[in-house]
Amino acid sequence: MNYKRSSLTNSGTNMHRSLRNFAVLAYLLGSVLPASSLAAEPFRVYAPAGKTQTLLIFDAVPKADGGLDLKLAEKPELGFGGGVIAAHPNKPLLYVSGFGGERGKVPGAVVTLAKNGGYLKHQPVAFQDDAAYLSLDRSANFLLGVSYGNGRLNVYRLDDKGVPGKAVATVDEGKKEAHCVLTSPDNKFLYVPYVNNNLALLQYGFNANTGAVTPLTPLDAKPPQGTGPRHCVYHPTLKMAYFTNEQGIGLSTYERRDDGQLVLRQNIPVLPEGMSKNGLSASDLEITPDGKFIFAGLRGHTQDFDRIVRYRLRDNGEAELLGLTPTDKIPWGLSLSPGGEYLLVSATTGATLTAYRITAEGGLEKAASLPLDAEIYDLVTRPQP
């Protein structure tokens, strides 16, 4: 509430008492309800649907009790099967890439959003390679993508309208199964993890002016055998990076040195003792904006063991396992609400979109769930204007 000084002066004791009572009530509510249920704002969820060649747009409106009103708002056609998606941090733009396609002619799109966050239009673009992961650098001047099929990294400069041109840098290490590319918070470095038999965690310098990518020495951080680093997140204030272990079924934590080199600090297993890893693999992960919690997907391909793995981060940035929350079949894409109050999960086989409210202790409470197209692999959220 915004009161002028004269209003407070004229209202006298009653106004002061009301404000004091309001403050006490807010404090009491805050001690009972998590901050997320008091502060969450409406937002939108965006997911490319490859089978129907559409973009799914959902409205998400938080409830006072911590629940969420979640509904499909729009389903515009893109004209190609989109697989992964990224959102521009400043412009009302989304970037979608398809899977497969001839080199230099991989279908993609730049989606322009309306003022209310709905679909306005989209512009087809051609990417150098298909992408298993898309991201923007910290200056939002470049779009980066890595291919799972051929392992190549591409950096595309964005024009003043946010549209990518031809790749200004392409890195081919002769390895397949690259799974993520994300520049460091200072925008000086980037890391590309490889899974399965191509196991590696490659380290590069990044030139935020030109988009150039330069290998560090040593190039490979050499993740432990059997881990398979897949997706990455960074701590918001500490020089720490975290990777889901696709084959290792857990989390690896790394310290980021000033020269960009990653130093392994933890390799955390999550399965119950004696449980087989066969038929299981880790998927996406997210870190809350305050750096308190990390959430990772665990896919039960041939075992009935689909979970969200929950971690708490200590003051030194190291992680500790909190527990595992059951999910619908094959949790693949994860995204936090813009304020970090909810975790959104797409189940590719279960064909659902589920929202979980994040509790103050790092627990997950189901807030909403909707039927979803099958095989939705990626999603992003944006505030509702």
Protein backbone atom coordinates (compact mmCIF):
# COMPACT_ATOMS: atom_id res chain seq x y z
CA MET A 1 0.00 0.00 0.00
CA ASN A 2 1.24 3.48 -0.85
CA TYR A 3 -0.07 6.24 1.45
CA LYS A 4 0.81 9.94 1.33
CA ARG A 5 2.22 11.41 4.51
CA SER A 6 -0.86 13.66 5.02
CA SER A 7 -3.19 10.64 4.93
CA LEU A 8 -1.28 8.93 7.70
CA THR A 9 -1.17 12.11 9.79
CA ASN A 10 -4.89 12.79 9.54
CA SER A 11 -5.95 9.21 10.21
CA GLY A 12 -4.50 9.30 13.73
CA THR A 13 -4.38 6.38 16.08
CA ASN A 14 -6.90 4.18 14.26
CA MET A 15 -4.89 4.15 11.07
CA HIS A 16 -1.66 3.36 12.93
CA ARG A 17 -3.43 0.56 14.81
CA SER A 18 -4.81 -0.83 11.53
CA LEU A 19 -1.40 -0.81 9.91
CA ARG A 20 0.13 -2.44 12.96
CA ASN A 21 -2.56 -5.13 12.98
CA PHE A 22 -2.09 -5.70 9.27
CA ALA A 23 1.65 -6.14 9.78
CA VAL A 24 1.06 -8.63 12.60
CA LEU A 25 -1.42 -10.57 10.47
CA ALA A 26 1.01 -10.66 7.54
CA TYR A 27 3.75 -11.91 9.86
CA LEU A 28 1.51 -14.64 11.25
CA LEU A 29 0.40 -15.72 7.79
CA GLY A 30 4.00 -15.77 6.66
CA SER A 31 4.89 -18.07 9.54
CA VAL A 32 2.17 -20.52 8.54
CA LEU A 33 2.10 -20.31 4.75
CA PRO A 34 5.17 -20.42 2.50
CA ALA A 35 6.24 -17.18 0.92
CA SER A 36 5.34 -18.58 -2.51
CA SER A 37 1.61 -18.67 -1.71
CA LEU A 38 1.66 -15.01 -0.67
CA ALA A 39 3.84 -13.56 -3.42
CA ALA A 40 3.22 -15.63 -6.56
CA GLU A 41 2.02 -13.80 -9.65
CA PRO A 42 0.19 -15.16 -12.72
CA PHE A 43 2.44 -16.55 -15.43
CA ARG A 44 2.38 -18.40 -18.74
CA VAL A 45 3.85 -21.78 -19.70
CA TYR A 46 5.07 -22.50 -23.24
CA ALA A 47 5.83 -25.94 -24.68
CA PRO A 48 6.50 -27.06 -28.28
CA ALA A 49 4.44 -30.09 -29.28
CA GLY A 50 6.34 -32.01 -31.93
CA LYS A 51 3.62 -34.46 -32.93
CA THR A 52 0.98 -31.79 -33.62
CA GLN A 53 3.53 -29.19 -34.82
CA THR A 54 2.06 -26.61 -32.45
CA LEU A 55 3.05 -24.39 -29.54
CA LEU A 56 1.08 -25.03 -26.36
CA ILE A 57 0.42 -21.93 -24.25
CA PHE A 58 -0.97 -22.34 -20.73
CA ASP A 59 -2.35 -19.78 -18.29
CA ALA A 60 -1.25 -20.28 -14.68
CA VAL A 61 -2.92 -18.29 -11.90
CA PRO A 62 -1.81 -18.94 -8.29
CA LYS A 63 -4.49 -19.42 -5.62
CA ALA A 64 -4.40 -18.06 -2.09
CA ASP A 65 -4.09 -21.60 -0.69
CA GLY A 66 -0.99 -22.35 -2.75
CA GLY A 67 -2.85 -24.18 -5.51
CA LEU A 68 -2.76 -23.17 -9.15
CA ASP A 69 -5.41 -22.59 -11.82
CA LEU A 70 -3.77 -24.12 -14.89
CA LYS A 71 -5.47 -24.23 -18.29
CA LEU A 72 -4.61 -24.43 -21.98
CA ALA A 73 -5.06 -20.97 -23.48
CA GLU A 74 -3.79 -21.29 -27.06
CA LYS A 75 -2.39 -23.86 -29.48
CA PRO A 76 -1.02 -22.01 -32.53
CA GLU A 77 0.44 -24.00 -35.41
CA LEU A 78 4.18 -23.72 -36.09
CA GLY A 79 4.34 -25.86 -39.21
CA PHE A 80 7.15 -28.12 -37.96
CA GLY A 81 7.77 -30.46 -35.06
CA GLY A 82 9.42 -28.40 -32.33
CA GLY A 83 11.53 -30.10 -29.69
CA VAL A 84 13.29 -27.54 -27.49
CA ILE A 85 12.52 -23.95 -26.54
CA ALA A 86 14.22 -20.91 -25.01
CA ALA A 87 12.89 -17.51 -23.95
CA HIS A 88 14.51 -14.12 -24.51
CA PRO A 89 15.03 -12.42 -21.11
CA ASN A 90 14.07 -8.92 -22.30
CA LYS A 91 12.09 -9.17 -25.53
CA PRO A 92 8.70 -10.95 -25.96
CA LEU A 93 10.36 -13.69 -28.00
CA LEU A 94 10.59 -17.47 -27.88
CA TYR A 95 13.01 -19.64 -29.86
CA VAL A 96 11.99 -23.14 -30.98
CA SER A 97 14.13 -25.73 -32.73
CA GLY A 98 13.06 -28.96 -34.35
CA PHE A 99 14.79 -32.34 -34.33
CA GLY A 100 16.55 -33.69 -37.42
CA GLY A 101 16.69 -32.04 -40.81
CA GLU A 102 19.37 -31.32 -43.39
CA ARG A 103 22.38 -29.39 -42.14
CA GLY A 104 21.82 -25.67 -42.56
CA LYS A 105 18.11 -26.22 -43.10
CA VAL A 106 16.92 -27.47 -39.71
CA PRO A 107 13.46 -25.98 -39.11
CA GLY A 108 13.00 -23.49 -36.30
CA ALA A 109 11.01 -20.42 -35.40
CA VAL A 110 11.15 -17.14 -33.55
CA VAL A 111 7.78 -16.65 -31.85
CA THR A 112 6.67 -13.11 -31.04
CA LEU A 113 4.30 -12.83 -28.09
CA ALA A 114 1.45 -10.38 -27.69
CA LYS A 115 1.33 -7.90 -24.81
CA ASN A 116 -0.70 -10.35 -22.72
CA GLY A 117 1.84 -13.13 -23.30
CA GLY A 118 -0.28 -14.88 -25.92
CA TYR A 119 0.75 -15.80 -29.45
CA LEU A 120 1.10 -12.93 -31.92
CA LYS A 121 3.11 -14.37 -34.83
CA HIS A 122 6.14 -16.46 -35.66
CA GLN A 123 8.96 -16.22 -38.15
CA PRO A 124 10.48 -19.41 -39.59
CA VAL A 125 14.26 -19.68 -39.32
CA ALA A 126 16.78 -22.29 -40.46
CA PHE A 127 19.33 -23.60 -37.96
CA GLN A 128 22.73 -25.08 -38.78
CA ASP A 129 21.99 -28.25 -36.79
CA ASP A 130 19.14 -29.62 -34.76
CA ALA A 131 19.30 -28.97 -31.03
CA ALA A 132 18.84 -30.95 -27.85
CA TYR A 133 19.20 -27.70 -25.90
CA LEU A 134 18.84 -23.98 -26.65
CA SER A 135 19.95 -21.06 -24.48
CA LEU A 136 20.85 -17.38 -24.73
CA ASP A 137 24.09 -15.92 -23.45
CA ARG A 138 23.91 -13.49 -20.53
CA SER A 139 23.95 -10.42 -22.79
CA ALA A 140 21.10 -11.89 -24.87
CA ASN A 141 23.07 -11.14 -28.03
CA PHE A 142 23.62 -14.77 -29.00
CA LEU A 143 21.54 -17.94 -29.22
CA LEU A 144 23.41 -21.18 -28.52
CA GLY A 145 22.44 -24.74 -29.37
CA VAL A 146 23.97 -28.21 -29.15
CA SER A 147 22.99 -31.29 -31.13
CA TYR A 148 22.54 -34.70 -29.56
CA GLY A 149 22.81 -36.47 -32.92
CA ASN A 150 26.14 -35.03 -34.03
CA GLY A 151 27.43 -33.26 -30.90
CA ARG A 152 28.04 -29.92 -32.61
CA LEU A 153 27.79 -26.59 -30.81
CA ASN A 154 26.48 -23.58 -32.76
CA VAL A 155 26.44 -19.91 -31.75
CA TYR A 156 24.07 -17.59 -33.63
CA ARG A 157 24.22 -13.80 -33.37
CA LEU A 158 20.84 -12.13 -32.81
CA ASP A 159 19.99 -8.99 -34.80
CA ASP A 160 18.40 -5.92 -33.21
CA LYS A 161 14.99 -7.60 -33.47
CA GLY A 162 16.23 -10.73 -31.73
CA VAL A 163 16.28 -12.92 -34.86
CA PRO A 164 19.22 -15.35 -35.26
CA GLY A 165 21.33 -15.24 -38.42
CA LYS A 166 23.87 -17.76 -39.62
CA ALA A 167 26.11 -19.40 -37.03
CA VAL A 168 29.10 -17.20 -36.14
CA ALA A 169 30.81 -20.12 -34.39
CA THR A 170 30.53 -23.90 -34.80
CA VAL A 171 32.47 -26.38 -32.67
CA ASP A 172 32.70 -30.04 -33.68
CA GLU A 173 34.69 -32.27 -31.32
CA GLY A 174 33.83 -35.47 -33.20
CA LYS A 175 31.64 -36.64 -30.32
CA LYS A 176 27.90 -37.33 -30.35
CA GLU A 177 25.34 -36.98 -27.55
CA ALA A 178 25.94 -33.40 -26.42
CA HIS A 179 23.10 -32.41 -24.14
CA CYS A 180 23.39 -28.82 -22.86
CA VAL A 181 25.12 -25.50 -23.39
CA LEU A 182 24.86 -22.64 -20.92
CA THR A 183 27.19 -19.68 -20.46
CA SER A 184 28.47 -18.96 -16.96
CA PRO A 185 26.90 -16.10 -14.96
CA ASP A 186 29.84 -13.83 -15.85
CA ASN A 187 29.37 -14.76 -19.54
CA LYS A 188 33.06 -15.68 -19.90
CA PHE A 189 32.79 -19.46 -20.15
CA LEU A 190 30.49 -22.23 -21.33
CA TYR A 191 30.33 -25.96 -20.74
CA VAL A 192 29.03 -28.80 -22.92
CA PRO A 193 28.31 -32.16 -21.26
CA TYR A 194 28.20 -35.44 -23.20
CA VAL A 195 26.45 -38.60 -22.03
CA ASN A 196 26.66 -42.37 -22.47
CA ASN A 197 29.78 -43.70 -24.25
CA ASN A 198 30.76 -40.16 -25.31
CA LEU A 199 31.20 -39.20 -21.66
CA ALA A 200 32.84 -35.79 -21.34
CA LEU A 201 32.40 -32.34 -19.83
CA LEU A 202 34.05 -29.91 -22.21
CA GLN A 203 35.10 -26.40 -21.11
CA TYR A 204 35.40 -23.30 -23.28
CA GLY A 205 36.02 -19.60 -23.07
CA PHE A 206 33.26 -17.46 -24.56
CA ASN A 207 33.71 -14.05 -26.19
CA ALA A 208 30.53 -12.10 -25.52
CA ASN A 209 31.43 -9.54 -28.20
CA THR A 210 32.04 -11.88 -31.13
CA GLY A 211 30.47 -15.17 -30.05
CA ALA A 212 33.80 -16.94 -30.46
CA VAL A 213 34.32 -20.17 -28.50
CA THR A 214 37.85 -21.11 -27.37
CA PRO A 215 38.79 -24.47 -25.78
CA LEU A 216 40.31 -24.31 -22.32
CA THR A 217 43.35 -26.36 -21.29
CA PRO A 218 42.57 -29.00 -20.30
CA LEU A 219 39.44 -29.17 -22.45
CA ASP A 220 37.72 -32.00 -20.59
CA ALA A 221 36.86 -31.73 -16.91
CA LYS A 222 36.76 -35.56 -16.98
CA PRO A 223 33.55 -36.40 -15.14
CA PRO A 224 33.65 -39.70 -13.21
CA GLN A 225 33.02 -42.85 -15.23
CA GLY A 226 29.37 -43.82 -15.40
CA THR A 227 27.99 -40.40 -14.50
CA GLY A 228 26.88 -38.94 -17.85
CA PRO A 229 26.44 -35.21 -17.08
CA ARG A 230 23.32 -34.04 -18.93
CA HIS A 231 21.92 -30.63 -17.97
CA CYS A 232 23.51 -27.76 -16.05
CA VAL A 233 22.49 -24.98 -13.68
CA TYR A 234 24.57 -22.37 -11.86
CA HIS A 235 24.37 -21.12 -8.29
CA PRO A 236 23.03 -17.51 -8.28
CA THR A 237 25.75 -16.15 -5.98
CA LEU A 238 28.49 -18.77 -5.56
CA LYS A 239 30.92 -20.07 -8.19
CA MET A 240 29.29 -23.47 -8.36
CA ALA A 241 27.83 -25.48 -11.24
CA TYR A 242 25.55 -28.52 -10.98
CA PHE A 243 24.89 -31.34 -13.46
CA THR A 244 22.34 -34.12 -13.48
CA ASN A 245 23.99 -37.49 -14.04
CA GLU A 246 21.96 -39.20 -16.76
CA GLN A 247 23.55 -42.63 -16.31
CA GLY A 248 24.83 -42.17 -12.75
CA ILE A 249 21.33 -41.25 -11.52
CA GLY A 250 22.33 -38.40 -9.25
CA LEU A 251 23.90 -34.96 -9.11
CA SER A 252 27.46 -33.75 -9.60
CA THR A 253 28.56 -30.44 -8.07
CA TYR A 254 31.55 -28.51 -9.38
CA GLU A 255 33.44 -25.45 -8.20
CA ARG A 256 34.11 -22.95 -10.99
CA ARG A 257 37.63 -21.55 -10.78
CA ASP A 258 38.48 -18.06 -12.01
CA ASP A 259 40.13 -19.54 -15.12
CA GLY A 260 36.90 -21.36 -16.01
CA GLN A 261 38.08 -24.83 -15.01
CA LEU A 262 35.57 -27.03 -13.20
CA VAL A 263 36.68 -28.90 -10.08
CA LEU A 264 34.51 -31.80 -8.91
CA ARG A 265 33.26 -31.40 -5.34
CA GLN A 266 30.48 -33.99 -5.06
CA ASN A 267 28.99 -36.96 -6.88
CA ILE A 268 25.71 -37.66 -5.12
CA PRO A 269 23.85 -40.98 -5.70
CA VAL A 270 20.11 -40.92 -5.08
CA LEU A 271 18.79 -44.47 -5.51
CA PRO A 272 17.94 -46.67 -2.52
CA GLU A 273 20.79 -48.98 -1.59
CA GLY A 274 20.91 -52.06 -3.79
CA MET A 275 18.53 -50.70 -6.44
CA SER A 276 19.55 -51.27 -10.06
CA LYS A 277 20.13 -48.34 -12.43
CA ASN A 278 19.02 -50.38 -15.41
CA GLY A 279 16.16 -48.74 -17.26
CA LEU A 280 16.57 -45.46 -15.39
CA SER A 281 18.03 -42.12 -16.50
CA ALA A 282 18.10 -38.55 -15.22
CA SER A 283 16.58 -35.72 -17.25
CA ASP A 284 16.19 -31.98 -16.68
CA LEU A 285 17.04 -29.89 -13.60
CA GLU A 286 16.24 -26.48 -12.12
CA ILE A 287 17.66 -24.34 -9.31
CA THR A 288 15.47 -21.91 -7.37
CA PRO A 289 16.32 -18.21 -7.79
CA ASP A 290 17.41 -17.95 -4.15
CA GLY A 291 19.87 -20.82 -4.55
CA LYS A 292 18.26 -22.91 -1.82
CA PHE A 293 16.98 -25.94 -3.75
CA ILE A 294 17.65 -28.01 -6.87
CA PHE A 295 15.12 -30.29 -8.54
CA ALA A 296 15.96 -32.97 -11.12
CA GLY A 297 13.91 -35.41 -13.17
CA LEU A 298 14.39 -39.17 -12.90
CA ARG A 299 12.87 -41.27 -15.70
CA GLY A 300 11.77 -44.85 -15.17
CA HIS A 301 11.96 -46.16 -18.73
CA THR A 302 11.62 -49.85 -17.85
CA GLN A 303 11.17 -49.54 -14.09
CA ASP A 304 8.18 -48.06 -12.31
CA PHE A 305 10.33 -45.40 -10.71
CA ASP A 306 9.52 -41.92 -12.07
CA ARG A 307 10.55 -39.23 -9.62
CA ILE A 308 11.57 -35.63 -9.01
CA VAL A 309 14.76 -35.65 -6.96
CA ARG A 310 14.99 -32.84 -4.41
CA TYR A 311 18.21 -31.32 -3.07
CA ARG A 312 18.99 -28.61 -0.53
CA LEU A 313 22.03 -26.40 -1.05
CA ARG A 314 24.23 -25.58 1.92
CA ASP A 315 25.84 -22.18 2.48
CA ASN A 316 29.03 -23.38 0.79
CA GLY A 317 27.10 -24.43 -2.31
CA GLU A 318 27.35 -28.17 -1.71
CA ALA A 319 24.16 -30.17 -2.14
CA GLU A 320 22.41 -32.66 0.11
CA LEU A 321 19.66 -35.06 -0.91
CA LEU A 322 16.24 -34.22 0.52
CA GLY A 323 14.15 -36.95 -1.06
CA LEU A 324 12.26 -38.17 -4.12
CA THR A 325 8.73 -37.17 -5.14
CA PRO A 326 6.71 -39.57 -7.37
CA THR A 327 5.60 -38.18 -10.75
CA ASP A 328 3.68 -39.27 -13.82
CA LYS A 329 5.46 -41.50 -16.34
CA ILE A 330 8.76 -40.16 -17.72
CA PRO A 331 9.29 -36.65 -16.26
CA TRP A 332 11.34 -34.98 -18.99
CA GLY A 333 10.98 -31.19 -19.13
CA LEU A 334 11.21 -29.07 -15.98
CA SER A 335 10.71 -25.33 -15.54
CA LEU A 336 10.23 -23.05 -12.55
CA SER A 337 7.60 -20.36 -12.42
CA PRO A 338 9.18 -16.91 -12.93
CA GLY A 339 9.31 -16.25 -9.19
CA GLY A 340 10.43 -19.76 -8.29
CA GLU A 341 7.27 -20.67 -6.36
CA TYR A 342 6.20 -23.60 -8.55
CA LEU A 343 7.92 -26.40 -10.45
CA LEU A 344 6.32 -27.40 -13.77
CA VAL A 345 6.94 -30.93 -15.08
CA SER A 346 6.04 -32.48 -18.44
CA ALA A 347 5.56 -36.26 -18.45
CA THR A 348 6.26 -37.48 -21.98
CA THR A 349 4.60 -40.92 -21.68
CA GLY A 350 2.09 -40.05 -18.98
CA ALA A 351 1.07 -37.10 -21.19
CA THR A 352 0.52 -34.62 -18.36
CA LEU A 353 1.67 -31.19 -17.31
CA THR A 354 1.90 -31.02 -13.52
CA ALA A 355 2.64 -28.04 -11.29
CA TYR A 356 4.10 -28.52 -7.82
CA ARG A 357 4.20 -25.84 -5.14
CA ILE A 358 7.63 -25.61 -3.56
CA THR A 359 7.42 -25.53 0.23
CA ALA A 360 9.72 -23.59 2.52
CA GLU A 361 11.54 -26.88 3.29
CA GLY A 362 12.05 -27.83 -0.35
CA GLY A 363 9.11 -30.22 -0.55
CA LEU A 364 6.81 -30.50 -3.56
CA GLU A 365 3.03 -30.38 -3.19
CA LYS A 366 0.90 -31.00 -6.28
CA ALA A 367 -0.88 -27.75 -7.17
CA ALA A 368 -2.43 -28.63 -10.54
CA SER A 369 -2.29 -31.18 -13.35
CA LEU A 370 -3.59 -31.22 -16.94
CA PRO A 371 -3.64 -33.70 -19.82
CA LEU A 372 -0.86 -32.89 -22.26
CA ASP A 373 0.22 -34.00 -25.70
CA ALA A 374 2.58 -36.96 -25.46
CA GLU A 375 6.32 -36.45 -26.04
CA ILE A 376 6.63 -32.87 -24.74
CA TYR A 377 10.34 -32.57 -24.00
CA ASP A 378 10.87 -28.95 -23.02
CA LEU A 379 9.00 -25.98 -21.56
CA VAL A 380 9.63 -22.43 -20.36
CA THR A 381 7.68 -19.93 -18.30
CA ARG A 382 7.29 -16.15 -18.48
CA PRO A 383 5.47 -13.64 -16.26
CA GLN A 384 1.97 -12.75 -17.40
CA PRO A 385 2.06 -9.03 -18.28
